[in-house]
C-alpha atoms as a PDB file:
ATOM      1  CA  MET A   1      13.009  17.563 -10.444  1.00  0.00           C
ATOM      2  CA  GLN A   2       9.315  18.502 -10.599  1.00  0.00           C
ATOM      3  CA  VAL A   3       7.111  19.416  -7.648  1.00  0.00           C
ATOM      4  CA  GLU A   4       3.389  19.880  -8.282  1.00  0.00           C
ATOM      5  CA  ARG A   5       0.720  20.821  -5.727  1.00  0.00           C
ATOM      6  CA  ALA A   6      -3.046  20.415  -5.627  1.00  0.00           C
ATOM      7  CA  ILE A   7      -5.913  20.530  -3.146  1.00  0.00           C
ATOM      8  CA  VAL A   8      -8.343  17.625  -2.745  1.00  0.00           C
ATOM      9  CA  GLU A   9     -11.675  19.282  -3.485  1.00  0.00           C
ATOM     10  CA  ALA A  10     -15.117  18.388  -2.138  1.00  0.00           C
ATOM     11  CA  THR A  11     -16.977  15.508  -3.749  1.00  0.00           C
ATOM     12  CA  HIS A  12     -20.657  14.715  -4.272  1.00  0.00           C
ATOM     13  CA  HIS A  13     -23.131  11.826  -3.963  1.00  0.00           C
ATOM     14  CA  PRO A  14     -22.607   8.830  -4.050  1.00  0.00           C
ATOM     15  CA  PHE A  15     -19.252   9.696  -2.500  1.00  0.00           C
ATOM     16  CA  PRO A  16     -17.354   9.705  -0.208  1.00  0.00           C
ATOM     17  CA  ILE A  17     -16.694   5.997   0.192  1.00  0.00           C
ATOM     18  CA  TYR A  18     -15.574   6.498   3.815  1.00  0.00           C
ATOM     19  CA  ALA A  19     -17.148   9.020   6.187  1.00  0.00           C
ATOM     20  CA  ASP A  20     -13.919   9.769   8.085  1.00  0.00           C
ATOM     21  CA  PRO A  21     -10.828   8.030   6.681  1.00  0.00           C
ATOM     22  CA  ILE A  22      -8.458  10.417   8.476  1.00  0.00           C
ATOM     23  CA  ASP A  23      -9.786   9.239  11.852  1.00  0.00           C
ATOM     24  CA  ARG A  24      -9.341   5.650  10.667  1.00  0.00           C
ATOM     25  CA  PHE A  25      -5.708   6.368   9.770  1.00  0.00           C
ATOM     26  CA  ARG A  26      -5.158   8.040  13.150  1.00  0.00           C
ATOM     27  CA  ARG A  27      -6.503   5.097  15.140  1.00  0.00           C
ATOM     28  CA  ALA A  28      -5.070   2.208  13.109  1.00  0.00           C
ATOM     29  CA  HIS A  29      -1.645   0.750  13.898  1.00  0.00           C
ATOM     30  CA  ALA A  30      -1.234   2.708  17.112  1.00  0.00           C
ATOM     31  CA  ALA A  31       0.730  -0.318  18.394  1.00  0.00           C
ATOM     32  CA  GLU A  32       3.353  -2.249  16.441  1.00  0.00           C
ATOM     33  CA  ASP A  33       1.658  -5.633  16.812  1.00  0.00           C
ATOM     34  CA  VAL A  34      -1.697  -4.511  15.396  1.00  0.00           C
ATOM     35  CA  ASP A  35      -2.783  -6.634  12.417  1.00  0.00           C
ATOM     36  CA  ARG A  36      -3.721  -5.267   8.992  1.00  0.00           C
ATOM     37  CA  ASP A  37      -6.691  -2.938   8.885  1.00  0.00           C
ATOM     38  CA  PRO A  38      -9.016  -3.834   5.953  1.00  0.00           C
ATOM     39  CA  ALA A  39     -10.252  -0.254   5.504  1.00  0.00           C
ATOM     40  CA  VAL A  40      -6.715   1.146   5.596  1.00  0.00           C
ATOM     41  CA  ALA A  41      -5.653  -1.547   3.114  1.00  0.00           C
ATOM     42  CA  HIS A  42      -8.425  -0.508   0.719  1.00  0.00           C
ATOM     43  CA  LEU A  43      -7.707   3.216   1.116  1.00  0.00           C
ATOM     44  CA  LEU A  44      -4.001   2.736   0.457  1.00  0.00           C
ATOM     45  CA  GLY A  45      -4.627   0.215  -2.316  1.00  0.00           C
ATOM     46  CA  VAL A  46      -6.742   2.739  -4.233  1.00  0.00           C
ATOM     47  CA  LEU A  47      -4.199   5.519  -3.756  1.00  0.00           C
ATOM     48  CA  ALA A  48      -1.314   3.226  -4.760  1.00  0.00           C
ATOM     49  CA  GLY A  49      -3.205   2.077  -7.842  1.00  0.00           C
ATOM     50  CA  TYR A  50      -3.986   5.591  -9.000  1.00  0.00           C
ATOM     51  CA  ALA A  51      -0.427   6.772  -8.334  1.00  0.00           C
ATOM     52  CA  TYR A  52       0.102   5.730 -11.982  1.00  0.00           C
ATOM     53  CA  ALA A  53      -2.149   8.642 -12.987  1.00  0.00           C
ATOM     54  CA  ASP A  54      -1.680  12.422 -13.024  1.00  0.00           C
ATOM     55  CA  THR A  55      -2.075  14.739 -10.045  1.00  0.00           C
ATOM     56  CA  ALA A  56      -5.661  15.707 -10.877  1.00  0.00           C
ATOM     57  CA  THR A  57      -6.746  12.052 -10.971  1.00  0.00           C
ATOM     58  CA  VAL A  58      -5.045  11.219  -7.667  1.00  0.00           C
ATOM     59  CA  ALA A  59      -6.747  14.248  -6.078  1.00  0.00           C
ATOM     60  CA  LEU A  60     -10.108  13.096  -7.475  1.00  0.00           C
ATOM     61  CA  MET A  61      -9.695   9.599  -6.041  1.00  0.00           C
ATOM     62  CA  ALA A  62      -8.582  10.980  -2.671  1.00  0.00           C
ATOM     63  CA  ALA A  63     -11.760  13.097  -2.607  1.00  0.00           C
ATOM     64  CA  ARG A  64     -13.920  10.083  -3.432  1.00  0.00           C
ATOM     65  CA  LEU A  65     -12.277   8.154  -0.608  1.00  0.00           C
ATOM     66  CA  GLY A  66     -13.248  10.954   1.803  1.00  0.00           C
ATOM     67  CA  MET A  67      -9.986  12.912   2.124  1.00  0.00           C
ATOM     68  CA  GLU A  68     -11.539  16.262   1.210  1.00  0.00           C
ATOM     69  CA  GLY A  69      -9.390  19.297   1.998  1.00  0.00           C
ATOM     70  CA  SER A  70      -6.110  17.386   1.959  1.00  0.00           C
ATOM     71  CA  ALA A  71      -3.030  18.851   0.327  1.00  0.00           C
ATOM     72  CA  LEU A  72      -1.514  16.759  -2.467  1.00  0.00           C
ATOM     73  CA  VAL A  73       2.095  17.143  -3.613  1.00  0.00           C
ATOM     74  CA  ARG A  74       3.663  15.241  -6.483  1.00  0.00           C
ATOM     75  CA  VAL A  75       7.462  14.910  -6.557  1.00  0.00           C
ATOM     76  CA  SER A  76       8.994  13.362  -9.672  1.00  0.00           C
ATOM     77  CA  GLN A  77      12.306  12.966 -11.439  1.00  0.00           C
ATOM     78  CA  THR A  78      13.128  11.305 -14.755  1.00  0.00           C
ATOM     79  CA  VAL A  79      16.622  10.534 -16.045  1.00  0.00           C
ATOM     80  CA  ASP A  80      16.225   8.062 -18.933  1.00  0.00           C
ATOM     81  CA  ALA A  81      19.889   7.076 -19.238  1.00  0.00           C
ATOM     82  CA  MET A  82      19.999   6.092 -15.545  1.00  0.00           C
ATOM     83  CA  GLN A  83      16.623   4.277 -15.620  1.00  0.00           C
ATOM     84  CA  ILE A  84      15.271   6.783 -13.108  1.00  0.00           C
ATOM     85  CA  PHE A  85      11.491   7.140 -13.338  1.00  0.00           C
ATOM     86  CA  SER A  86      10.625   8.139  -9.789  1.00  0.00           C
ATOM     87  CA  THR A  87       7.229   9.566  -8.835  1.00  0.00           C
ATOM     88  CA  ALA A  88       5.913  10.035  -5.303  1.00  0.00           C
ATOM     89  CA  TYR A  89       2.556  11.462  -4.201  1.00  0.00           C
ATOM     90  CA  LEU A  90       2.264  12.877  -0.700  1.00  0.00           C
ATOM     91  CA  LEU A  91      -1.118  13.610   0.872  1.00  0.00           C
ATOM     92  CA  GLN A  92      -1.395  15.713   4.041  1.00  0.00           C
ATOM     93  CA  SER A  93      -4.778  15.767   5.786  1.00  0.00           C
ATOM     94  CA  ARG A  94      -6.398  19.163   6.259  1.00  0.00           C
ATOM     95  CA  CYS A  95      -5.924  18.881  10.036  1.00  0.00           C
ATOM     96  CA  GLY A  96      -2.243  17.985   9.520  1.00  0.00           C
ATOM     97  CA  ARG A  97      -2.340  14.841  11.653  1.00  0.00           C
ATOM     98  CA  VAL A  98      -2.035  12.272   8.825  1.00  0.00           C
ATOM     99  CA  ALA A  99       0.288  11.960   5.832  1.00  0.00           C
ATOM    100  CA  VAL A 100       0.158   9.284   3.136  1.00  0.00           C
ATOM    101  CA  LEU A 101       3.142   8.741   0.834  1.00  0.00           C
ATOM    102  CA  CYS A 102       2.472   6.673  -2.301  1.00  0.00           C
ATOM    103  CA  TYR A 103       5.070   5.608  -4.852  1.00  0.00           C
ATOM    104  CA  ARG A 104       4.230   4.946  -8.498  1.00  0.00           C
ATOM    105  CA  GLY A 105       5.070   1.495  -9.844  1.00  0.00           C
ATOM    106  CA  THR A 106       6.466   0.391 -13.194  1.00  0.00           C
ATOM    107  CA  GLU A 107       4.769   2.114 -16.117  1.00  0.00           C
ATOM    108  CA  PRO A 108       3.819  -0.744 -18.518  1.00  0.00           C
ATOM    109  CA  ALA A 109       4.733   1.120 -21.728  1.00  0.00           C
ATOM    110  CA  ASN A 110       8.017   2.529 -20.394  1.00  0.00           C
ATOM    111  CA  LEU A 111      10.985   0.402 -21.532  1.00  0.00           C
ATOM    112  CA  GLY A 112      13.422   2.367 -19.376  1.00  0.00           C
ATOM    113  CA  ASN A 113      11.288   1.578 -16.330  1.00  0.00           C
ATOM    114  CA  TRP A 114      11.540  -2.153 -17.116  1.00  0.00           C
ATOM    115  CA  LEU A 115      15.305  -1.883 -17.571  1.00  0.00           C
ATOM    116  CA  GLY A 116      15.550  -0.311 -14.135  1.00  0.00           C
ATOM    117  CA  ASP A 117      13.545  -3.205 -12.688  1.00  0.00           C
ATOM    118  CA  ALA A 118      16.090  -5.624 -14.169  1.00  0.00           C
ATOM    119  CA  ASP A 119      19.061  -3.711 -12.709  1.00  0.00           C
ATOM    120  CA  VAL A 120      19.349  -5.796  -9.544  1.00  0.00           C
ATOM    121  CA  GLY A 121      22.948  -4.671  -8.994  1.00  0.00           C
ATOM    122  CA  SER A 122      24.576  -4.603  -5.565  1.00  0.00           C
ATOM    123  CA  ASP A 123      23.567  -1.418  -3.771  1.00  0.00           C
ATOM    124  CA  ALA A 124      23.581  -1.498   0.026  1.00  0.00           C
ATOM    125  CA  ILE A 125      22.095   0.283   3.021  1.00  0.00           C
ATOM    126  CA  ASP A 126      24.273   0.690   6.118  1.00  0.00           C
ATOM    127  CA  PHE A 127      22.801   0.266   9.593  1.00  0.00           C
ATOM    128  CA  ALA A 128      25.535   1.575  11.930  1.00  0.00           C
ATOM    129  CA  GLY A 129      28.008  -1.072  10.833  1.00  0.00           C
ATOM    130  CA  ALA A 130      25.576  -3.701   9.571  1.00  0.00           C
ATOM    131  CA  ARG A 131      25.149  -3.697   5.802  1.00  0.00           C
ATOM    132  CA  ILE A 132      22.315  -5.156   3.733  1.00  0.00           C
ATOM    133  CA  THR A 133      22.197  -5.596  -0.036  1.00  0.00           C
ATOM    134  CA  VAL A 134      19.298  -3.928  -1.851  1.00  0.00           C
ATOM    135  CA  HIS A 135      18.026  -3.929  -5.431  1.00  0.00           C
ATOM    136  CA  ALA A 136      20.065  -1.217  -7.176  1.00  0.00           C
ATOM    137  CA  GLY A 137      17.405  -0.081  -9.656  1.00  0.00           C
ATOM    138  CA  PHE A 138      14.672   0.198  -7.018  1.00  0.00           C
ATOM    139  CA  HIS A 139      17.017   1.932  -4.568  1.00  0.00           C
ATOM    140  CA  ARG A 140      18.195   4.469  -7.158  1.00  0.00           C
ATOM    141  CA  ASN A 141      14.590   5.466  -7.832  1.00  0.00           C
ATOM    142  CA  VAL A 142      13.941   5.953  -4.111  1.00  0.00           C
ATOM    143  CA  LEU A 143      17.035   8.143  -3.770  1.00  0.00           C
ATOM    144  CA  ALA A 144      16.075  10.265  -6.792  1.00  0.00           C
ATOM    145  CA  THR A 145      13.113  11.875  -4.997  1.00  0.00           C
ATOM    146  CA  ARG A 146      13.931  11.066  -1.369  1.00  0.00           C
ATOM    147  CA  ARG A 147      15.363  14.419  -0.241  1.00  0.00           C
ATOM    148  CA  PRO A 148      12.414  16.593  -1.332  1.00  0.00           C
ATOM    149  CA  VAL A 149      10.008  13.997   0.095  1.00  0.00           C
ATOM    150  CA  LEU A 150      11.862  14.098   3.430  1.00  0.00           C
ATOM    151  CA  ASP A 151      11.805  17.901   3.397  1.00  0.00           C
ATOM    152  CA  LEU A 152       8.029  17.847   2.925  1.00  0.00           C
ATOM    153  CA  LEU A 153       7.524  15.265   5.683  1.00  0.00           C
ATOM    154  CA  HIS A 154       9.683  17.204   8.126  1.00  0.00           C
ATOM    155  CA  ALA A 155       7.648  20.308   7.331  1.00  0.00           C
ATOM    156  CA  ALA A 156       4.464  18.346   8.117  1.00  0.00           C
ATOM    157  CA  ALA A 157       6.047  17.118  11.363  1.00  0.00           C
ATOM    158  CA  ARG A 158       6.660  20.783  12.325  1.00  0.00           C
ATOM    159  CA  GLY A 159       2.991  21.583  11.692  1.00  0.00           C
ATOM    160  CA  GLU A 160       3.585  23.390   8.407  1.00  0.00           C
ATOM    161  CA  SER A 161       0.989  23.238   5.661  1.00  0.00           C
ATOM    162  CA  LEU A 162       1.864  21.529   2.387  1.00  0.00           C
ATOM    163  CA  ARG A 163      -1.260  23.109   0.927  1.00  0.00           C
ATOM    164  CA  VAL A 164      -0.107  26.711   1.445  1.00  0.00           C
ATOM    165  CA  PRO A 165       3.675  26.964   1.973  1.00  0.00           C
ATOM    166  CA  GLY A 166       4.398  29.150   4.988  1.00  0.00           C
ATOM    167  CA  ALA A 167       0.990  28.531   6.580  1.00  0.00           C
ATOM    168  CA  ARG A 168       0.311  26.322   9.616  1.00  0.00           C
ATOM    169  CA  THR A 169      -1.966  23.331  10.065  1.00  0.00           C
ATOM    170  CA  ASP A 170      -4.092  22.836  13.186  1.00  0.00           C
ATOM    171  CA  HIS A 171      -1.884  19.919  14.252  1.00  0.00           C
ATOM    172  CA  ALA A 172       1.567  18.528  13.516  1.00  0.00           C
ATOM    173  CA  LEU A 173       2.013  15.146  11.856  1.00  0.00           C
ATOM    174  CA  GLU A 174       0.964  12.196  14.033  1.00  0.00           C
ATOM    175  CA  ALA A 175       0.649   9.262  11.634  1.00  0.00           C
ATOM    176  CA  LEU A 176       2.623   8.500   8.476  1.00  0.00           C
ATOM    177  CA  TYR A 177       1.612   5.746   6.046  1.00  0.00           C
ATOM    178  CA  VAL A 178       3.677   4.649   3.041  1.00  0.00           C
ATOM    179  CA  ALA A 179       2.292   2.551   0.179  1.00  0.00           C
ATOM    180  CA  GLY A 180       2.898   1.407  -3.365  1.00  0.00           C
ATOM    181  CA  HIS A 181       1.995  -1.178  -5.991  1.00  0.00           C
ATOM    182  CA  SER A 182       4.648  -3.299  -7.731  1.00  0.00           C
ATOM    183  CA  LEU A 183       7.862  -1.243  -8.085  1.00  0.00           C
ATOM    184  CA  GLY A 184       6.076   1.391  -5.973  1.00  0.00           C
ATOM    185  CA  GLY A 185       5.754  -1.187  -3.201  1.00  0.00           C
ATOM    186  CA  ALA A 186       9.463  -1.998  -3.365  1.00  0.00           C
ATOM    187  CA  MET A 187      10.245   1.725  -3.181  1.00  0.00           C
ATOM    188  CA  ALA A 188       7.926   2.098  -0.176  1.00  0.00           C
ATOM    189  CA  ALA A 189       9.725  -0.747   1.616  1.00  0.00           C
ATOM    190  CA  LEU A 190      13.164   0.695   0.832  1.00  0.00           C
ATOM    191  CA  PHE A 191      12.056   4.161   1.919  1.00  0.00           C
ATOM    192  CA  GLY A 192      11.149   2.617   5.262  1.00  0.00           C
ATOM    193  CA  LEU A 193      14.512   0.872   5.568  1.00  0.00           C
ATOM    194  CA  ARG A 194      16.286   4.167   4.877  1.00  0.00           C
ATOM    195  CA  LEU A 195      14.285   5.808   7.680  1.00  0.00           C
ATOM    196  CA  ALA A 196      15.515   3.117  10.069  1.00  0.00           C
ATOM    197  CA  ALA A 197      19.121   3.295   8.825  1.00  0.00           C
ATOM    198  CA  ASP A 198      19.558   7.074   8.817  1.00  0.00           C
ATOM    199  CA  THR A 199      20.235   8.416  12.297  1.00  0.00           C
ATOM    200  CA  ASP A 200      18.936  11.874  11.298  1.00  0.00           C
ATOM    201  CA  GLN A 201      15.369  10.611  10.736  1.00  0.00           C
ATOM    202  CA  PRO A 202      14.159   9.516  14.236  1.00  0.00           C
ATOM    203  CA  ILE A 203      11.125  11.814  14.160  1.00  0.00           C
ATOM    204  CA  LEU A 204       9.741  10.348  10.920  1.00  0.00           C
ATOM    205  CA  LEU A 205      10.487   6.775  12.020  1.00  0.00           C
ATOM    206  CA  GLU A 206       8.506   7.495  15.188  1.00  0.00           C
ATOM    207  CA  LYS A 207       5.563   8.790  13.110  1.00  0.00           C
ATOM    208  CA  LEU A 208       5.593   5.793  10.742  1.00  0.00           C
ATOM    209  CA  ARG A 209       2.469   3.718  11.412  1.00  0.00           C
ATOM    210  CA  ALA A 210       2.632   1.186   8.588  1.00  0.00           C
ATOM    211  CA  ILE A 211       3.853   0.415   5.083  1.00  0.00           C
ATOM    212  CA  TYR A 212       1.262  -1.322   2.885  1.00  0.00           C
ATOM    213  CA  THR A 213       2.476  -2.810  -0.385  1.00  0.00           C
ATOM    214  CA  PHE A 214       0.579  -4.561  -3.167  1.00  0.00           C
ATOM    215  CA  GLY A 215       2.216  -7.020  -5.569  1.00  0.00           C
ATOM    216  CA  GLN A 216       5.646  -5.923  -4.318  1.00  0.00           C
ATOM    217  CA  PRO A 217       8.744  -7.567  -5.850  1.00  0.00           C
ATOM    218  CA  LEU A 218      11.726  -8.518  -3.687  1.00  0.00           C
ATOM    219  CA  ALA A 219      13.867  -5.530  -2.785  1.00  0.00           C
ATOM    220  CA  ALA A 220      16.426  -6.492  -0.117  1.00  0.00           C
ATOM    221  CA  GLY A 221      18.793  -9.239   0.896  1.00  0.00           C
ATOM    222  CA  GLY A 222      18.722 -10.724   4.362  1.00  0.00           C
ATOM    223  CA  PRO A 223      19.032 -11.121   7.184  1.00  0.00           C
ATOM    224  CA  LEU A 224      17.959  -7.683   8.341  1.00  0.00           C
ATOM    225  CA  PRO A 225      19.846  -6.090  11.261  1.00  0.00           C
ATOM    226  CA  GLU A 226      18.043  -5.456  14.530  1.00  0.00           C
ATOM    227  CA  ALA A 227      17.835  -1.735  13.735  1.00  0.00           C
ATOM    228  CA  ALA A 228      15.523  -2.545  10.810  1.00  0.00           C
ATOM    229  CA  GLY A 229      13.047  -4.289  13.129  1.00  0.00           C
ATOM    230  CA  PRO A 230      10.690  -1.304  13.582  1.00  0.00           C
ATOM    231  CA  VAL A 231      10.196  -1.125   9.808  1.00  0.00           C
ATOM    232  CA  ALA A 232       9.956  -4.894   9.264  1.00  0.00           C
ATOM    233  CA  ARG A 233       7.206  -5.093  11.893  1.00  0.00           C
ATOM    234  CA  ARG A 234       5.275  -2.319  10.158  1.00  0.00           C
ATOM    235  CA  LEU A 235       5.498  -3.702   6.610  1.00  0.00           C
ATOM    236  CA  LEU A 236       2.333  -5.473   5.436  1.00  0.00           C
ATOM    237  CA  ARG A 237       2.723  -7.005   1.992  1.00  0.00           C
ATOM    238  CA  HIS A 238      -0.408  -7.931   0.013  1.00  0.00           C
ATOM    239  CA  VAL A 239      -0.063 -10.648  -2.625  1.00  0.00           C
ATOM    240  CA  ASN A 240      -2.585 -12.060  -5.084  1.00  0.00           C
ATOM    241  CA  ALA A 241      -2.030 -15.812  -4.889  1.00  0.00           C
ATOM    242  CA  ARG A 242      -0.908 -16.317  -8.512  1.00  0.00           C
ATOM    243  CA  ASP A 243       0.806 -12.974  -9.074  1.00  0.00           C
ATOM    244  CA  ILE A 244       4.337 -13.757 -10.287  1.00  0.00           C
ATOM    245  CA  VAL A 245       5.864 -10.347  -9.506  1.00  0.00           C
ATOM    246  CA  PRO A 246       6.298 -10.950  -5.734  1.00  0.00           C
ATOM    247  CA  SER A 247       8.592 -13.875  -6.735  1.00  0.00           C
ATOM    248  CA  LEU A 248      10.834 -11.603  -8.837  1.00  0.00           C
ATOM    249  CA  PRO A 249      13.563 -10.739  -9.688  1.00  0.00           C
ATOM    250  CA  PHE A 250      14.976 -14.207 -10.367  1.00  0.00           C
ATOM    251  CA  ALA A 251      17.570 -15.567  -7.959  1.00  0.00           C
ATOM    252  CA  ALA A 252      19.985 -16.015 -10.867  1.00  0.00           C
ATOM    253  CA  TRP A 253      20.170 -12.204 -11.050  1.00  0.00           C
ATOM    254  CA  GLY A 254      20.897 -11.838  -7.334  1.00  0.00           C
ATOM    255  CA  PRO A 255      19.538 -13.425  -4.124  1.00  0.00           C
ATOM    256  CA  LEU A 256      16.895 -11.389  -2.275  1.00  0.00           C
ATOM    257  CA  GLU A 257      14.233 -12.224   0.299  1.00  0.00           C
ATOM    258  CA  HIS A 258      11.004 -10.692   1.548  1.00  0.00           C
ATOM    259  CA  PHE A 259      10.622  -9.168   4.996  1.00  0.00           C
ATOM    260  CA  GLY A 260       7.572  -7.992   6.922  1.00  0.00           C
ATOM    261  CA  ARG A 261       4.217  -9.754   7.178  1.00  0.00           C
ATOM    262  CA  GLU A 262       2.609 -11.256   4.086  1.00  0.00           C
ATOM    263  CA  PHE A 263      -1.126 -11.439   3.409  1.00  0.00           C
ATOM    264  CA  GLN A 264      -2.292 -13.510   0.461  1.00  0.00           C
ATOM    265  CA  TYR A 265      -5.580 -13.240  -1.408  1.00  0.00           C
ATOM    266  CA  ALA A 266      -7.012 -16.626  -2.397  1.00  0.00           C
ATOM    267  CA  GLN A 267     -10.537 -18.017  -2.651  1.00  0.00           C
ATOM    268  CA  GLY A 268     -12.094 -14.640  -2.034  1.00  0.00           C
ATOM    269  CA  ARG A 269     -10.359 -13.711   1.223  1.00  0.00           C
ATOM    270  CA  TRP A 270      -7.158 -12.224   2.634  1.00  0.00           C
ATOM    271  CA  ALA A 271      -5.206 -14.308   5.136  1.00  0.00           C
ATOM    272  CA  ARG A 272      -1.774 -14.265   6.754  1.00  0.00           C
ATOM    273  CA  HIS A 273       0.548 -16.375   4.609  1.00  0.00           C
ATOM    274  CA  GLU A 274       3.550 -18.331   5.866  1.00  0.00           C
ATOM    275  CA  PRO A 275       6.095 -19.145   4.658  1.00  0.00           C
ATOM    276  CA  VAL A 276       6.412 -15.938   2.690  1.00  0.00           C
ATOM    277  CA  THR A 277       6.620 -15.939  -1.108  1.00  0.00           C
ATOM    278  CA  ALA A 278      10.002 -17.294  -2.221  1.00  0.00           C
ATOM    279  CA  GLN A 279      12.199 -15.971  -5.018  1.00  0.00           C
ATOM    280  CA  LEU A 280      11.974 -17.862  -8.311  1.00  0.00           C
ATOM    281  CA  GLU A 281      15.257 -19.459  -9.312  1.00  0.00           C
ATOM    282  CA  SER A 282      15.232 -18.870 -13.053  1.00  0.00           C
ATOM    283  CA  PHE A 283      13.459 -17.275 -16.000  1.00  0.00           C
ATOM    284  CA  ARG A 284      11.672 -20.505 -16.962  1.00  0.00           C
ATOM    285  CA  ALA A 285       8.384 -19.604 -15.222  1.00  0.00           C
ATOM    286  CA  ALA A 286       8.102 -16.191 -16.878  1.00  0.00           C
ATOM    287  CA  PRO A 287       6.851 -17.170 -20.382  1.00  0.00           C
ATOM    288  CA  ARG A 288       3.955 -19.184 -18.930  1.00  0.00           C
ATOM    289  CA  ALA A 289       3.034 -16.318 -16.611  1.00  0.00           C
ATOM    290  CA  VAL A 290       2.909 -13.914 -19.568  1.00  0.00           C
ATOM    291  CA  PHE A 291       0.948 -16.464 -21.641  1.00  0.00           C
ATOM    292  CA  ALA A 292      -1.595 -16.703 -18.827  1.00  0.00           C
ATOM    293  CA  MET A 293      -2.621 -13.094 -19.517  1.00  0.00           C
ATOM    294  CA  PHE A 294      -4.095 -14.201 -22.855  1.00  0.00           C
ATOM    295  CA  ALA A 295      -5.289 -17.692 -21.931  1.00  0.00           C
ATOM    296  CA  PRO A 296      -8.967 -18.623 -21.361  1.00  0.00           C
ATOM    297  CA  ALA A 297     -10.115 -18.240 -17.762  1.00  0.00           C
ATOM    298  CA  LYS A 298     -10.097 -21.969 -16.920  1.00  0.00           C
ATOM    299  CA  LYS A 299      -6.628 -22.449 -18.369  1.00  0.00           C
ATOM    300  CA  ARG A 300      -5.380 -19.344 -16.564  1.00  0.00           C
ATOM    301  CA  GLU A 301      -6.651 -20.629 -13.215  1.00  0.00           C
ATOM    302  CA  SER A 302      -4.704 -23.874 -13.627  1.00  0.00           C
ATOM    303  CA  LEU A 303      -1.345 -22.130 -14.014  1.00  0.00           C
ATOM    304  CA  PRO A 304       0.793 -21.448 -10.925  1.00  0.00           C
ATOM    305  CA  HIS A 305       1.684 -17.872 -11.932  1.00  0.00           C
ATOM    306  CA  SER A 306       0.083 -15.129 -13.979  1.00  0.00           C
ATOM    307  CA  MET A 307       0.959 -11.558 -14.911  1.00  0.00           C
ATOM    308  CA  ALA A 308      -2.784 -10.985 -15.306  1.00  0.00           C
ATOM    309  CA  ASP A 309      -3.226 -11.059 -11.525  1.00  0.00           C
ATOM    310  CA  HIS A 310      -0.651  -8.306 -11.024  1.00  0.00           C
ATOM    311  CA  GLY A 311      -2.626  -5.302 -12.272  1.00  0.00           C
ATOM    312  CA  PRO A 312      -3.426  -2.645  -9.639  1.00  0.00           C
ATOM    313  CA  HIS A 313      -7.125  -2.873 -10.555  1.00  0.00           C
ATOM    314  CA  HIS A 314      -7.119  -6.539  -9.484  1.00  0.00           C
ATOM    315  CA  TYR A 315      -5.633  -5.607  -6.114  1.00  0.00           C
ATOM    316  CA  ILE A 316      -8.177  -2.805  -5.639  1.00  0.00           C
ATOM    317  CA  ALA A 317     -11.030  -5.206  -6.461  1.00  0.00           C
ATOM    318  CA  ALA A 318      -9.696  -7.780  -3.969  1.00  0.00           C
ATOM    319  CA  LEU A 319      -9.319  -5.122  -1.247  1.00  0.00           C
ATOM    320  CA  ARG A 320     -12.723  -3.504  -1.783  1.00  0.00           C
ATOM    321  CA  PRO A 321     -15.153  -4.055   1.120  1.00  0.00           C
ATOM    322  CA  THR A 322     -18.712  -5.195   0.587  1.00  0.00           C
ATOM    323  CA  GLY A 323     -21.313  -2.449   0.630  1.00  0.00           C
ATOM    324  CA  PRO A 324     -19.609   0.873  -0.191  1.00  0.00           C
ATOM    325  CA  VAL A 325     -19.499   2.130  -3.740  1.00  0.00           C
ATOM    326  CA  THR A 326     -16.416   1.590  -5.871  1.00  0.00           C
ATOM    327  CA  GLU A 327     -14.122   4.471  -6.767  1.00  0.00           C
ATOM    328  CA  PHE A 328     -16.269   4.777  -9.924  1.00  0.00           C
ATOM    329  CA  GLY A 329     -19.484   5.230  -7.922  1.00  0.00           C
ATOM    330  CA  ASP A 330     -20.960   1.777  -8.602  1.00  0.00           C
ATOM    331  CA  ARG A 331     -22.300  -0.449  -5.865  1.00  0.00           C
ATOM    332  CA  THR A 332     -20.895  -3.925  -5.380  1.00  0.00           C
ATOM    333  CA  ASP A 333     -22.250  -6.954  -3.568  1.00  0.00           C
ATOM    334  CA  ARG A 334     -18.933  -8.799  -3.543  1.00  0.00           C
END
């Protein structure tokens, strides 16, 4: 187990992208029925995308987003033989009121990571007698780093600083957000379900404002018990229209279904999408989706699925608002 700490340093012109993102996090999702917040979606999309990077890069991007002075903690564990490649980044605002937990997704060059994605298995989460099936590989990666992450979140809820252990923040935790891209999104969703299922986590469940996922694969079987309702209502899944990953793993490997609210990006805009993305039945669609990555643009647009649309950079571009600079400092008129 590795725990690494950093401080989000000050940034310079043309940053920050947002003048006060912490206030935005505090005010968004104060009620369960509040719809997605575009600025929160962009903030979390950038952090989820850069969760594939090292601690210094995540801290840099957090600074550019406007989260100067935040504490950043990376918790990671790798056990190759068990297909455990679990990395979580936890940001605590300088005031202490906001925490953002981001899970890293599948690392493209890591074969063990892909094997874990294919390990659908038959793990389960118990909800006081009700039992739901969950993806074994995804669940195992959540469990690998869950305890230290919970310890850090409980410390934040007590008003303890994650920046300087033993010190106090001005305020205790008020708002918790969880996010992730791809596998990271599935881990974020399962982390939320574990909060609802575990009777010793009521404080953190109360602080949970929303879970934002991007290109998230299926992670749980249904139907969900009533006790999972608070998490299901707070899960906002973002899906690029032709991204194949939200339709995976294949039903032949084990039946799963999405929960939460789905927002799909098509024709240049995000919109609520119903019915939610369904699980693909078999492997037959996969070769064409992979081929689409290398096909000419017109051919690619005619195919129903594409792995090309799954990259975190594509989600960040789709989430980016018009006007502010990108995380690279360039202006965009999109």
